[in-house]
Amino acid sequence: MATDVLTLSERKRLRARRLKKHGLANIVTHWFNAFSWFVLLATGLAILGNPNLRIMPQGYVDFVRNLFGGIGRLVEAHKVMGLIWLFVITYNVLLGFRKYFVPFAMKRMLLDKDDIEWLKLKAKHLIGRDRDRPLPPQDAYNAGQKLYGYVVVFGTVVIGLTGLLMTFGYLLPPEMRVLVQWARPLHFAAVGAVVAGLIIHVYMAAFFPEEKEAFFSMIHGEVSALYARLHHRKWYEEKMQEEREYEMRVRLQELEARERASGGELVGTRGNP
């Protein structure tokens, strides 16, 4: 976050100004993903009943299994929800791969020099060092969010593939069913990596005052110009430049319209006797 010295009136003006950050499709996909992960995680943790693998208390495992009518139905519900989640995510990616996902990844998700410096300095800030040094300016997503995005993308691919192997492993030839045994630990590891980052993501969005706007932006799609300037300066400057260019185009169009109108009036005046 770059150091900004803003007057109170300037802060009020920027806080009142809203900038669009997320479209409706992004918001719906985000909350579908959140709901799916909640259901899949809740059911998946209850499937792990082996004392050597169990993460949740036995009471939780028993409660969820009874809620679904037994371990068999619980496993089937987990599989069905997993297939629905995987289908929707895959469909969205394939539908907008060239038009949206590739341009978005190239423009918003690649790490640059400022991101690398942000990661180094943020680590120092977390242990109480160099707190007087401001963080480098960031784009629409900061370096930490980009790194977690990489984990989510890689984790989603691993979770999806291993989930399919475990669900349809019975269709494989006997000599290939060893893949199912390898799929289980990979599935658990990928889920664990995504959930570890998810805990930090939810904690910061829900409990850090400065990140509250990021949380609510996934509901109404907007952030204040003040938040954008303080936390995503590169993106803020880009939005301001877009607005200046838009205003310039509108003014030019208005001038051209006036010139055409005045030219037409002049021709009409000359044509009168």
Protein backbone atom coordinates (compact mmCIF):
# COMPACT_ATOMS: atom_id res chain seq x y z
CA MET A 1 0.00 0.00 0.00
CA ALA A 2 1.54 3.26 -1.08
CA THR A 3 1.76 6.08 1.43
CA ASP A 4 -0.98 8.65 0.81
CA VAL A 5 -1.48 11.89 2.68
CA LEU A 6 -5.09 12.82 2.06
CA THR A 7 -7.14 15.54 3.63
CA LEU A 8 -10.32 14.61 5.47
CA SER A 9 -12.48 16.16 2.75
CA GLU A 10 -10.57 14.24 0.06
CA ARG A 11 -11.05 10.99 1.97
CA LYS A 12 -14.78 11.65 2.29
CA ARG A 13 -15.02 12.41 -1.43
CA LEU A 14 -13.15 9.24 -2.41
CA ARG A 15 -15.10 7.12 0.10
CA ALA A 16 -18.38 8.26 -1.44
CA ARG A 17 -17.25 7.46 -4.97
CA ARG A 18 -17.88 3.89 -6.09
CA LEU A 19 -15.85 1.85 -8.58
CA LYS A 20 -17.10 -1.32 -10.25
CA LYS A 21 -14.76 -4.23 -9.55
CA HIS A 22 -16.81 -7.42 -10.02
CA GLY A 23 -19.48 -8.23 -12.58
CA LEU A 24 -22.59 -10.29 -11.86
CA ALA A 25 -21.08 -13.43 -13.41
CA ASN A 26 -18.04 -13.19 -11.11
CA ILE A 27 -20.21 -12.68 -8.04
CA VAL A 28 -22.53 -15.61 -8.83
CA THR A 29 -19.57 -17.89 -9.58
CA HIS A 30 -17.83 -16.84 -6.36
CA TRP A 31 -20.81 -17.64 -4.14
CA PHE A 32 -21.61 -20.86 -6.00
CA ASN A 33 -18.01 -21.89 -5.38
CA ALA A 34 -18.24 -20.86 -1.72
CA PHE A 35 -21.49 -22.81 -1.20
CA SER A 36 -20.10 -25.86 -3.00
CA TRP A 37 -16.94 -25.84 -0.92
CA PHE A 38 -18.96 -25.53 2.29
CA VAL A 39 -21.09 -28.57 1.41
CA LEU A 40 -18.19 -30.63 0.05
CA LEU A 41 -15.95 -29.85 3.00
CA ALA A 42 -18.70 -30.55 5.54
CA THR A 43 -19.54 -33.91 3.96
CA GLY A 44 -15.95 -34.82 3.17
CA LEU A 45 -14.84 -34.33 6.77
CA ALA A 46 -17.66 -36.61 7.92
CA ILE A 47 -16.60 -39.32 5.48
CA LEU A 48 -13.22 -39.50 7.23
CA GLY A 49 -14.28 -41.68 10.13
CA ASN A 50 -11.07 -43.71 10.51
CA PRO A 51 -9.42 -42.71 13.82
CA ASN A 52 -6.09 -42.40 11.98
CA LEU A 53 -7.53 -40.00 9.42
CA ARG A 54 -10.37 -38.28 11.27
CA ILE A 55 -10.02 -34.51 11.61
CA MET A 56 -13.37 -33.61 13.19
CA PRO A 57 -14.67 -34.96 16.54
CA GLN A 58 -16.50 -38.28 16.42
CA GLY A 59 -19.70 -36.50 17.44
CA TYR A 60 -19.57 -34.39 14.27
CA VAL A 61 -18.92 -37.44 12.10
CA ASP A 62 -21.85 -39.32 13.64
CA PHE A 63 -24.19 -36.33 13.37
CA VAL A 64 -23.53 -35.69 9.65
CA ARG A 65 -23.70 -39.39 8.78
CA ASN A 66 -27.04 -39.75 10.58
CA LEU A 67 -28.28 -36.57 8.89
CA PHE A 68 -27.76 -38.19 5.49
CA GLY A 69 -29.02 -41.58 6.58
CA GLY A 70 -25.72 -43.41 6.80
CA ILE A 71 -22.22 -43.39 5.37
CA GLY A 72 -23.34 -44.81 2.01
CA ARG A 73 -25.78 -42.01 1.29
CA LEU A 74 -23.31 -39.45 2.61
CA VAL A 75 -20.65 -40.64 0.16
CA GLU A 76 -23.15 -40.57 -2.72
CA ALA A 77 -24.25 -37.02 -1.79
CA HIS A 78 -20.60 -35.93 -1.70
CA LYS A 79 -20.00 -37.44 -5.14
CA VAL A 80 -23.09 -35.83 -6.67
CA MET A 81 -22.27 -32.39 -5.26
CA GLY A 82 -18.68 -32.78 -6.40
CA LEU A 83 -19.75 -33.63 -9.95
CA ILE A 84 -22.13 -30.65 -10.06
CA TRP A 85 -19.37 -28.33 -8.80
CA LEU A 86 -16.84 -29.70 -11.28
CA PHE A 87 -19.27 -29.48 -14.20
CA VAL A 88 -20.23 -25.85 -13.51
CA ILE A 89 -16.61 -24.74 -13.00
CA THR A 90 -15.41 -26.59 -16.12
CA TYR A 91 -18.31 -25.27 -18.20
CA ASN A 92 -17.58 -21.67 -17.15
CA VAL A 93 -13.87 -22.03 -17.89
CA LEU A 94 -14.42 -23.58 -21.32
CA LEU A 95 -17.17 -21.11 -22.20
CA GLY A 96 -15.01 -18.07 -21.52
CA PHE A 97 -11.50 -19.51 -21.87
CA ARG A 98 -10.26 -17.41 -24.79
CA LYS A 99 -12.51 -14.40 -24.33
CA TYR A 100 -12.20 -13.95 -20.56
CA PHE A 101 -9.93 -16.32 -18.64
CA VAL A 102 -6.77 -16.02 -20.73
CA PRO A 103 -6.92 -12.18 -21.02
CA PHE A 104 -7.81 -11.94 -17.32
CA ALA A 105 -4.91 -14.17 -16.29
CA MET A 106 -2.44 -12.32 -18.49
CA LYS A 107 -3.55 -8.88 -17.31
CA ARG A 108 -4.40 -9.45 -13.65
CA MET A 109 -2.76 -12.59 -12.30
CA LEU A 110 0.89 -12.50 -13.42
CA LEU A 111 3.43 -11.46 -10.79
CA ASP A 112 5.55 -8.39 -11.56
CA LYS A 113 8.46 -6.69 -9.78
CA ASP A 114 6.15 -4.77 -7.45
CA ASP A 115 4.43 -8.03 -6.48
CA ILE A 116 7.74 -9.71 -5.62
CA GLU A 117 8.75 -6.72 -3.52
CA TRP A 118 5.30 -6.68 -1.90
CA LEU A 119 5.70 -10.33 -0.84
CA LYS A 120 9.15 -9.69 0.63
CA LEU A 121 8.08 -6.57 2.50
CA LYS A 122 4.76 -8.03 3.66
CA ALA A 123 6.63 -10.95 5.24
CA LYS A 124 8.81 -8.47 7.14
CA HIS A 125 5.75 -6.50 8.24
CA LEU A 126 4.18 -9.66 9.66
CA ILE A 127 7.17 -10.20 11.95
CA GLY A 128 7.34 -6.54 12.93
CA ARG A 129 10.20 -5.41 10.69
CA ASP A 130 10.39 -2.39 8.32
CA ARG A 131 6.85 -1.32 9.16
CA ASP A 132 7.78 2.25 8.23
CA ARG A 133 8.35 1.18 4.61
CA PRO A 134 5.14 1.34 2.52
CA LEU A 135 4.11 -1.64 0.45
CA PRO A 136 4.56 -1.24 -3.33
CA PRO A 137 1.43 -0.30 -5.32
CA GLN A 138 -0.77 -3.20 -6.34
CA ASP A 139 -3.11 -4.02 -9.18
CA ALA A 140 -6.74 -5.18 -8.84
CA TYR A 141 -5.40 -8.16 -6.85
CA ASN A 142 -2.40 -7.99 -4.57
CA ALA A 143 0.50 -10.43 -4.70
CA GLY A 144 -0.89 -12.57 -1.88
CA GLN A 145 -4.22 -12.92 -3.66
CA LYS A 146 -2.43 -13.86 -6.88
CA LEU A 147 -0.43 -16.58 -5.13
CA TYR A 148 -3.58 -17.98 -3.56
CA GLY A 149 -5.19 -17.87 -7.00
CA TYR A 150 -2.42 -20.15 -8.28
CA VAL A 151 -3.06 -22.55 -5.40
CA VAL A 152 -6.80 -22.56 -6.13
CA VAL A 153 -6.34 -23.20 -9.86
CA PHE A 154 -3.82 -26.01 -9.33
CA GLY A 155 -5.79 -27.42 -6.41
CA THR A 156 -9.05 -27.39 -8.39
CA VAL A 157 -7.44 -29.37 -11.21
CA VAL A 158 -6.01 -31.96 -8.79
CA ILE A 159 -9.22 -32.19 -6.76
CA GLY A 160 -11.33 -32.58 -9.91
CA LEU A 161 -9.15 -35.25 -11.50
CA THR A 162 -8.67 -37.28 -8.32
CA GLY A 163 -12.37 -36.96 -7.49
CA LEU A 164 -13.27 -38.38 -10.90
CA LEU A 165 -10.80 -41.23 -10.39
CA MET A 166 -12.30 -42.10 -7.01
CA THR A 167 -15.87 -41.82 -8.31
CA PHE A 168 -15.44 -43.80 -11.51
CA GLY A 169 -12.42 -45.91 -10.58
CA TYR A 170 -14.53 -49.06 -10.84
CA LEU A 171 -14.64 -48.51 -14.61
CA LEU A 172 -10.86 -48.81 -14.91
CA PRO A 173 -9.17 -52.08 -15.86
CA PRO A 174 -7.96 -53.97 -12.77
CA GLU A 175 -4.32 -53.23 -13.52
CA MET A 176 -5.02 -49.46 -13.48
CA ARG A 177 -7.05 -49.30 -10.27
CA VAL A 178 -3.89 -48.59 -8.32
CA LEU A 179 -4.42 -45.02 -9.56
CA VAL A 180 -7.40 -44.77 -7.19
CA GLN A 181 -5.12 -45.49 -4.24
CA TRP A 182 -2.82 -42.66 -5.29
CA ALA A 183 -5.80 -40.37 -5.94
CA ARG A 184 -6.91 -40.40 -2.29
CA PRO A 185 -3.82 -38.80 -0.68
CA LEU A 186 -3.48 -36.35 -3.58
CA HIS A 187 -7.15 -35.39 -3.15
CA PHE A 188 -6.68 -34.80 0.58
CA ALA A 189 -3.45 -32.83 0.06
CA ALA A 190 -5.00 -30.56 -2.58
CA VAL A 191 -8.07 -29.90 -0.43
CA GLY A 192 -5.81 -29.13 2.53
CA ALA A 193 -3.75 -26.63 0.53
CA VAL A 194 -6.83 -24.79 -0.74
CA VAL A 195 -8.51 -24.80 2.68
CA ALA A 196 -5.36 -23.46 4.38
CA GLY A 197 -5.44 -20.44 2.10
CA LEU A 198 -9.22 -20.23 2.37
CA ILE A 199 -9.01 -19.86 6.16
CA ILE A 200 -6.68 -16.88 5.76
CA HIS A 201 -8.85 -15.47 2.95
CA VAL A 202 -12.07 -15.66 4.99
CA TYR A 203 -10.42 -14.44 8.20
CA MET A 204 -8.95 -11.34 6.56
CA ALA A 205 -12.10 -10.55 4.58
CA ALA A 206 -14.42 -10.98 7.56
CA PHE A 207 -12.38 -9.61 10.46
CA PHE A 208 -9.77 -7.16 9.11
CA PRO A 209 -11.44 -3.70 9.03
CA GLU A 210 -9.37 -2.59 6.05
CA GLU A 211 -10.48 -5.63 4.05
CA LYS A 212 -14.21 -5.34 4.76
CA GLU A 213 -14.76 -3.59 1.43
CA ALA A 214 -13.19 -6.53 -0.41
CA PHE A 215 -15.71 -8.84 1.28
CA PHE A 216 -18.76 -6.70 0.47
CA SER A 217 -17.55 -6.14 -3.09
CA MET A 218 -18.40 -9.80 -3.69
CA ILE A 219 -22.02 -8.94 -2.85
CA HIS A 220 -22.66 -5.67 -4.70
CA GLY A 221 -19.58 -5.64 -6.96
CA GLU A 222 -18.23 -2.25 -5.92
CA VAL A 223 -15.48 -0.73 -3.78
CA SER A 224 -14.91 2.86 -2.78
CA ALA A 225 -12.35 4.92 -4.66
CA LEU A 226 -10.59 5.45 -1.32
CA TYR A 227 -10.13 1.71 -0.78
CA ALA A 228 -8.95 1.27 -4.36
CA ARG A 229 -6.44 4.11 -4.05
CA LEU A 230 -5.03 2.89 -0.75
CA HIS A 231 -4.90 -0.86 -1.48
CA HIS A 232 -4.92 -1.26 -5.27
CA ARG A 233 -3.24 1.89 -6.54
CA LYS A 234 -2.34 0.54 -9.99
CA TRP A 235 -5.91 -0.54 -10.65
CA TYR A 236 -7.20 2.77 -9.28
CA GLU A 237 -4.95 4.77 -11.63
CA GLU A 238 -6.07 2.57 -14.52
CA LYS A 239 -9.75 3.25 -13.73
CA MET A 240 -9.09 6.98 -13.46
CA GLN A 241 -7.33 6.94 -16.84
CA GLU A 242 -10.26 5.06 -18.38
CA GLU A 243 -12.65 7.68 -17.03
CA ARG A 244 -10.52 10.54 -18.37
CA GLU A 245 -10.38 8.90 -21.81
CA TYR A 246 -14.13 8.31 -21.77
CA GLU A 247 -14.82 11.93 -20.82
CA MET A 248 -12.49 13.10 -23.60
CA ARG A 249 -14.31 10.96 -26.18
CA VAL A 250 -17.68 12.30 -25.04
CA ARG A 251 -16.44 15.90 -25.26
CA LEU A 252 -15.06 15.32 -28.75
CA GLN A 253 -18.35 13.79 -29.85
CA GLU A 254 -20.23 16.77 -28.42
CA LEU A 255 -17.94 19.22 -30.24
CA GLU A 256 -18.34 17.31 -33.50
CA ALA A 257 -22.12 17.31 -33.08
CA ARG A 258 -22.12 21.07 -32.44
CA GLU A 259 -19.92 21.70 -35.48
CA ARG A 260 -22.23 19.65 -37.69
CA ALA A 261 -25.25 21.45 -36.28
CA SER A 262 -23.69 24.90 -36.77
CA GLY A 263 -22.63 23.94 -40.31
CA GLY A 264 -26.16 22.87 -41.13
CA GLU A 265 -27.57 26.14 -39.80
CA LEU A 266 -25.07 28.10 -41.87
CA VAL A 267 -26.06 26.24 -45.05
CA GLY A 268 -29.72 26.85 -44.27
CA THR A 269 -29.13 30.56 -43.73
CA ARG A 270 -27.30 30.91 -47.05
CA GLY A 271 -30.11 29.15 -48.86
CA ASN A 272 -32.75 31.66 -47.66
CA PRO A 273 -33.54 34.59 -50.07
